[in-house]
Amino acid sequence: LNGDSNVAFFREYKNVGLTPQAMP
């Protein structure tokens, strides 16, 4: 992903409980 789409992606990633430890 490029640009400010990364903001929305990582916020949603955390919101659903995905972590760097479980799925980096």
PDB file of all heavy atoms in Angstrom:
ATOM      1  N   LEU A   1       0.842  -1.195   0.000  1.00  0.00           N
ATOM      2  CA  LEU A   1       0.000   0.000   0.000  1.00  0.00           C
ATOM      3  C   LEU A   1       0.876   1.243   0.000  1.00  0.00           C
ATOM      4  O   LEU A   1       1.973   1.252   0.549  1.00  0.00           O
ATOM      5  CB  LEU A   1      -0.903   0.027   1.236  1.00  0.00           C
ATOM      6  CG  LEU A   1      -1.997  -1.037   1.336  1.00  0.00           C
ATOM      7  CD1 LEU A   1      -2.604  -1.032   2.729  1.00  0.00           C
ATOM      8  CD2 LEU A   1      -3.079  -0.801   0.268  1.00  0.00           C
ATOM      9  N   ASN A   2       0.363   2.323  -0.595  1.00  0.00           N
ATOM     10  CA  ASN A   2       1.077   3.585  -0.612  1.00  0.00           C
ATOM     11  C   ASN A   2       0.207   4.710  -0.088  1.00  0.00           C
ATOM     12  O   ASN A   2      -1.025   4.648  -0.163  1.00  0.00           O
ATOM     13  CB  ASN A   2       1.536   3.920  -2.034  1.00  0.00           C
ATOM     14  CG  ASN A   2       3.051   3.843  -2.191  1.00  0.00           C
ATOM     15  OD1 ASN A   2       3.770   4.579  -1.539  1.00  0.00           O
ATOM     16  ND2 ASN A   2       3.524   2.980  -3.050  1.00  0.00           N
ATOM     17  N   GLY A   3       0.868   5.759   0.412  1.00  0.00           N
ATOM     18  CA  GLY A   3       0.155   6.956   0.824  1.00  0.00           C
ATOM     19  C   GLY A   3      -0.675   6.757   2.078  1.00  0.00           C
ATOM     20  O   GLY A   3      -0.420   5.874   2.911  1.00  0.00           O
ATOM     21  N   ASP A   4      -1.727   7.568   2.211  1.00  0.00           N
ATOM     22  CA  ASP A   4      -2.484   7.564   3.456  1.00  0.00           C
ATOM     23  C   ASP A   4      -3.419   6.367   3.605  1.00  0.00           C
ATOM     24  O   ASP A   4      -4.065   6.209   4.642  1.00  0.00           O
ATOM     25  CB  ASP A   4      -3.246   8.878   3.642  1.00  0.00           C
ATOM     26  CG  ASP A   4      -4.094   9.284   2.454  1.00  0.00           C
ATOM     27  OD1 ASP A   4      -4.297   8.435   1.558  1.00  0.00           O
ATOM     28  OD2 ASP A   4      -4.560  10.450   2.414  1.00  0.00           O
ATOM     29  N   SER A   5      -3.495   5.477   2.612  1.00  0.00           N
ATOM     30  CA  SER A   5      -4.224   4.224   2.792  1.00  0.00           C
ATOM     31  C   SER A   5      -3.630   3.392   3.928  1.00  0.00           C
ATOM     32  O   SER A   5      -4.340   2.623   4.585  1.00  0.00           O
ATOM     33  CB  SER A   5      -4.219   3.402   1.497  1.00  0.00           C
ATOM     34  OG  SER A   5      -5.019   4.002   0.502  1.00  0.00           O
ATOM     35  N   ASN A   6      -2.332   3.529   4.158  1.00  0.00           N
ATOM     36  CA  ASN A   6      -1.698   2.789   5.239  1.00  0.00           C
ATOM     37  C   ASN A   6      -2.261   3.156   6.609  1.00  0.00           C
ATOM     38  O   ASN A   6      -2.286   2.309   7.516  1.00  0.00           O
ATOM     39  CB  ASN A   6      -0.184   3.019   5.221  1.00  0.00           C
ATOM     40  CG  ASN A   6       0.524   2.121   4.221  1.00  0.00           C
ATOM     41  OD1 ASN A   6       0.418   0.901   4.280  1.00  0.00           O
ATOM     42  ND2 ASN A   6       1.260   2.740   3.298  1.00  0.00           N
ATOM     43  N   VAL A   7      -2.709   4.393   6.760  1.00  0.00           N
ATOM     44  CA  VAL A   7      -3.290   4.813   8.035  1.00  0.00           C
ATOM     45  C   VAL A   7      -4.513   3.958   8.342  1.00  0.00           C
ATOM     46  O   VAL A   7      -4.631   3.354   9.417  1.00  0.00           O
ATOM     47  CB  VAL A   7      -3.650   6.307   8.011  1.00  0.00           C
ATOM     48  CG1 VAL A   7      -4.308   6.709   9.326  1.00  0.00           C
ATOM     49  CG2 VAL A   7      -2.425   7.165   7.719  1.00  0.00           C
ATOM     50  N   ALA A   8      -5.437   3.890   7.387  1.00  0.00           N
ATOM     51  CA  ALA A   8      -6.673   3.141   7.578  1.00  0.00           C
ATOM     52  C   ALA A   8      -6.407   1.641   7.719  1.00  0.00           C
ATOM     53  O   ALA A   8      -7.043   0.959   8.532  1.00  0.00           O
ATOM     54  CB  ALA A   8      -7.630   3.415   6.420  1.00  0.00           C
ATOM     55  N   PHE A   9      -5.471   1.109   6.937  1.00  0.00           N
ATOM     56  CA  PHE A   9      -5.183  -0.315   6.974  1.00  0.00           C
ATOM     57  C   PHE A   9      -4.682  -0.748   8.354  1.00  0.00           C
ATOM     58  O   PHE A   9      -5.184  -1.709   8.939  1.00  0.00           O
ATOM     59  CB  PHE A   9      -4.154  -0.684   5.911  1.00  0.00           C
ATOM     60  CG  PHE A   9      -3.662  -2.103   6.000  1.00  0.00           C
ATOM     61  CD1 PHE A   9      -4.460  -3.155   5.596  1.00  0.00           C
ATOM     62  CD2 PHE A   9      -2.396  -2.388   6.513  1.00  0.00           C
ATOM     63  CE1 PHE A   9      -4.013  -4.480   5.696  1.00  0.00           C
ATOM     64  CE2 PHE A   9      -1.943  -3.693   6.611  1.00  0.00           C
ATOM     65  CZ  PHE A   9      -2.751  -4.740   6.203  1.00  0.00           C
ATOM     66  N   PHE A  10      -3.682  -0.063   8.877  1.00  0.00           N
ATOM     67  CA  PHE A  10      -3.109  -0.494  10.146  1.00  0.00           C
ATOM     68  C   PHE A  10      -4.040  -0.232  11.328  1.00  0.00           C
ATOM     69  O   PHE A  10      -4.008  -0.991  12.317  1.00  0.00           O
ATOM     70  CB  PHE A  10      -1.746   0.154  10.365  1.00  0.00           C
ATOM     71  CG  PHE A  10      -0.647  -0.565   9.647  1.00  0.00           C
ATOM     72  CD1 PHE A  10      -0.159  -0.079   8.457  1.00  0.00           C
ATOM     73  CD2 PHE A  10      -0.120  -1.747  10.135  1.00  0.00           C
ATOM     74  CE1 PHE A  10       0.843  -0.750   7.768  1.00  0.00           C
ATOM     75  CE2 PHE A  10       0.876  -2.425   9.467  1.00  0.00           C
ATOM     76  CZ  PHE A  10       1.357  -1.929   8.278  1.00  0.00           C
ATOM     77  N   ARG A  11      -4.851   0.797  11.252  1.00  0.00           N
ATOM     78  CA  ARG A  11      -5.832   1.001  12.316  1.00  0.00           C
ATOM     79  C   ARG A  11      -6.842  -0.133  12.333  1.00  0.00           C
ATOM     80  O   ARG A  11      -7.200  -0.649  13.403  1.00  0.00           O
ATOM     81  CB  ARG A  11      -6.513   2.365  12.138  1.00  0.00           C
ATOM     82  CG  ARG A  11      -5.600   3.532  12.490  1.00  0.00           C
ATOM     83  CD  ARG A  11      -6.259   4.869  12.256  1.00  0.00           C
ATOM     84  NE  ARG A  11      -5.364   5.971  12.645  1.00  0.00           N
ATOM     85  CZ  ARG A  11      -5.620   7.253  12.450  1.00  0.00           C
ATOM     86  NH1 ARG A  11      -6.771   7.619  11.868  1.00  0.00           N
ATOM     87  NH2 ARG A  11      -4.748   8.180  12.828  1.00  0.00           N
ATOM     88  N   GLU A  12      -7.302  -0.545  11.153  1.00  0.00           N
ATOM     89  CA  GLU A  12      -8.233  -1.660  11.080  1.00  0.00           C
ATOM     90  C   GLU A  12      -7.554  -2.966  11.487  1.00  0.00           C
ATOM     91  O   GLU A  12      -8.168  -3.819  12.130  1.00  0.00           O
ATOM     92  CB  GLU A  12      -8.804  -1.779   9.666  1.00  0.00           C
ATOM     93  CG  GLU A  12      -9.880  -2.849   9.497  1.00  0.00           C
ATOM     94  CD  GLU A  12     -11.141  -2.540  10.270  1.00  0.00           C
ATOM     95  OE1 GLU A  12     -11.365  -1.352  10.640  1.00  0.00           O
ATOM     96  OE2 GLU A  12     -11.929  -3.468  10.524  1.00  0.00           O
ATOM     97  N   TYR A  13      -6.295  -3.132  11.101  1.00  0.00           N
ATOM     98  CA  TYR A  13      -5.527  -4.324  11.451  1.00  0.00           C
ATOM     99  C   TYR A  13      -5.489  -4.516  12.968  1.00  0.00           C
ATOM    100  O   TYR A  13      -5.709  -5.612  13.477  1.00  0.00           O
ATOM    101  CB  TYR A  13      -4.109  -4.189  10.892  1.00  0.00           C
ATOM    102  CG  TYR A  13      -3.364  -5.490  10.677  1.00  0.00           C
ATOM    103  CD1 TYR A  13      -3.571  -6.246   9.524  1.00  0.00           C
ATOM    104  CD2 TYR A  13      -2.427  -5.955  11.584  1.00  0.00           C
ATOM    105  CE1 TYR A  13      -2.875  -7.429   9.298  1.00  0.00           C
ATOM    106  CE2 TYR A  13      -1.729  -7.129  11.367  1.00  0.00           C
ATOM    107  CZ  TYR A  13      -1.964  -7.863  10.217  1.00  0.00           C
ATOM    108  OH  TYR A  13      -1.276  -9.041  10.002  1.00  0.00           O
ATOM    109  N   LYS A  14      -5.230  -3.434  13.676  1.00  0.00           N
ATOM    110  CA  LYS A  14      -5.195  -3.501  15.132  1.00  0.00           C
ATOM    111  C   LYS A  14      -6.594  -3.685  15.708  1.00  0.00           C
ATOM    112  O   LYS A  14      -6.788  -4.432  16.675  1.00  0.00           O
ATOM    113  CB  LYS A  14      -4.548  -2.240  15.710  1.00  0.00           C
ATOM    114  CG  LYS A  14      -4.414  -2.296  17.232  1.00  0.00           C
ATOM    115  CD  LYS A  14      -3.794  -1.042  17.795  1.00  0.00           C
ATOM    116  CE  LYS A  14      -3.678  -1.145  19.317  1.00  0.00           C
ATOM    117  NZ  LYS A  14      -3.114   0.080  19.922  1.00  0.00           N
ATOM    118  N   ASN A  15      -7.577  -3.028  15.107  1.00  0.00           N
ATOM    119  CA  ASN A  15      -8.949  -3.089  15.616  1.00  0.00           C
ATOM    120  C   ASN A  15      -9.491  -4.516  15.650  1.00  0.00           C
ATOM    121  O   ASN A  15     -10.274  -4.865  16.541  1.00  0.00           O
ATOM    122  CB  ASN A  15      -9.879  -2.212  14.779  1.00  0.00           C
ATOM    123  CG  ASN A  15      -9.712  -0.737  15.075  1.00  0.00           C
ATOM    124  OD1 ASN A  15      -9.161  -0.347  16.108  1.00  0.00           O
ATOM    125  ND2 ASN A  15     -10.176   0.109  14.158  1.00  0.00           N
ATOM    126  N   VAL A  16      -9.098  -5.352  14.682  1.00  0.00           N
ATOM    127  CA  VAL A  16      -9.611  -6.725  14.648  1.00  0.00           C
ATOM    128  C   VAL A  16      -8.744  -7.684  15.455  1.00  0.00           C
ATOM    129  O   VAL A  16      -8.981  -8.901  15.452  1.00  0.00           O
ATOM    130  CB  VAL A  16      -9.769  -7.233  13.202  1.00  0.00           C
ATOM    131  CG1 VAL A  16     -10.699  -6.327  12.409  1.00  0.00           C
ATOM    132  CG2 VAL A  16      -8.419  -7.384  12.512  1.00  0.00           C
ATOM    133  N   GLY A  17      -7.753  -7.153  16.146  1.00  0.00           N
ATOM    134  CA  GLY A  17      -6.945  -7.971  17.037  1.00  0.00           C
ATOM    135  C   GLY A  17      -5.723  -8.609  16.423  1.00  0.00           C
ATOM    136  O   GLY A  17      -5.067  -9.442  17.074  1.00  0.00           O
ATOM    137  N   LEU A  18      -5.356  -8.246  15.193  1.00  0.00           N
ATOM    138  CA  LEU A  18      -4.155  -8.786  14.582  1.00  0.00           C
ATOM    139  C   LEU A  18      -2.927  -8.071  15.130  1.00  0.00           C
ATOM    140  O   LEU A  18      -2.929  -6.852  15.318  1.00  0.00           O
ATOM    141  CB  LEU A  18      -4.214  -8.642  13.062  1.00  0.00           C
ATOM    142  CG  LEU A  18      -5.256  -9.524  12.362  1.00  0.00           C
ATOM    143  CD1 LEU A  18      -5.382  -9.140  10.889  1.00  0.00           C
ATOM    144  CD2 LEU A  18      -4.900 -11.000  12.508  1.00  0.00           C
ATOM    145  N   THR A  19      -1.872  -8.829  15.391  1.00  0.00           N
ATOM    146  CA  THR A  19      -0.675  -8.283  16.021  1.00  0.00           C
ATOM    147  C   THR A  19       0.567  -8.666  15.226  1.00  0.00           C
ATOM    148  O   THR A  19       0.564  -9.648  14.474  1.00  0.00           O
ATOM    149  CB  THR A  19      -0.512  -8.815  17.452  1.00  0.00           C
ATOM    150  OG1 THR A  19      -0.238 -10.236  17.404  1.00  0.00           O
ATOM    151  CG2 THR A  19      -1.765  -8.563  18.282  1.00  0.00           C
ATOM    152  N   PRO A  20       1.668  -7.916  15.422  1.00  0.00           N
ATOM    153  CA  PRO A  20       2.923  -8.280  14.763  1.00  0.00           C
ATOM    154  C   PRO A  20       3.443  -9.636  15.219  1.00  0.00           C
ATOM    155  O   PRO A  20       4.167 -10.309  14.484  1.00  0.00           O
ATOM    156  CB  PRO A  20       3.883  -7.157  15.144  1.00  0.00           C
ATOM    157  CG  PRO A  20       3.115  -6.160  15.844  1.00  0.00           C
ATOM    158  CD  PRO A  20       1.792  -6.650  16.170  1.00  0.00           C
ATOM    159  N   GLN A  21       3.097 -10.035  16.436  1.00  0.00           N
ATOM    160  CA  GLN A  21       3.548 -11.320  16.948  1.00  0.00           C
ATOM    161  C   GLN A  21       2.801 -12.477  16.276  1.00  0.00           C
ATOM    162  O   GLN A  21       3.413 -13.503  15.945  1.00  0.00           O
ATOM    163  CB  GLN A  21       3.340 -11.392  18.467  1.00  0.00           C
ATOM    164  CG  GLN A  21       4.214 -10.421  19.266  1.00  0.00           C
ATOM    165  CD  GLN A  21       3.747  -8.954  19.152  1.00  0.00           C
ATOM    166  OE1 GLN A  21       2.542  -8.710  19.051  1.00  0.00           O
ATOM    167  NE2 GLN A  21       4.685  -8.020  19.174  1.00  0.00           N
ATOM    168  N   ALA A  22       1.506 -12.295  16.049  1.00  0.00           N
ATOM    169  CA  ALA A  22       0.690 -13.356  15.454  1.00  0.00           C
ATOM    170  C   ALA A  22       0.806 -13.389  13.941  1.00  0.00           C
ATOM    171  O   ALA A  22       0.899 -14.461  13.338  1.00  0.00           O
ATOM    172  CB  ALA A  22      -0.772 -13.189  15.868  1.00  0.00           C
ATOM    173  N   MET A  23       0.798 -12.226  13.306  1.00  0.00           N
ATOM    174  CA  MET A  23       0.863 -12.137  11.853  1.00  0.00           C
ATOM    175  C   MET A  23       1.548 -10.825  11.474  1.00  0.00           C
ATOM    176  O   MET A  23       0.908  -9.821  11.241  1.00  0.00           O
ATOM    177  CB  MET A  23      -0.531 -12.199  11.213  1.00  0.00           C
ATOM    178  CG  MET A  23      -0.523 -12.437   9.703  1.00  0.00           C
ATOM    179  SD  MET A  23      -2.193 -12.337   8.952  1.00  0.00           S
ATOM    180  CE  MET A  23      -3.065 -13.605   9.870  1.00  0.00           C
ATOM    181  N   PRO A  24       2.877 -10.816  11.418  1.00  0.00           N
ATOM    182  CA  PRO A  24       3.594  -9.576  11.122  1.00  0.00           C
ATOM    183  C   PRO A  24       3.321  -9.074   9.710  1.00  0.00           C
ATOM    184  O   PRO A  24       3.073  -9.853   8.790  1.00  0.00           O
ATOM    185  CB  PRO A  24       5.062  -9.967  11.293  1.00  0.00           C
ATOM    186  CG  PRO A  24       5.082 -11.444  11.048  1.00  0.00           C
ATOM    187  CD  PRO A  24       3.782 -11.961  11.580  1.00  0.00           C
TER     188      PRO A  24
END
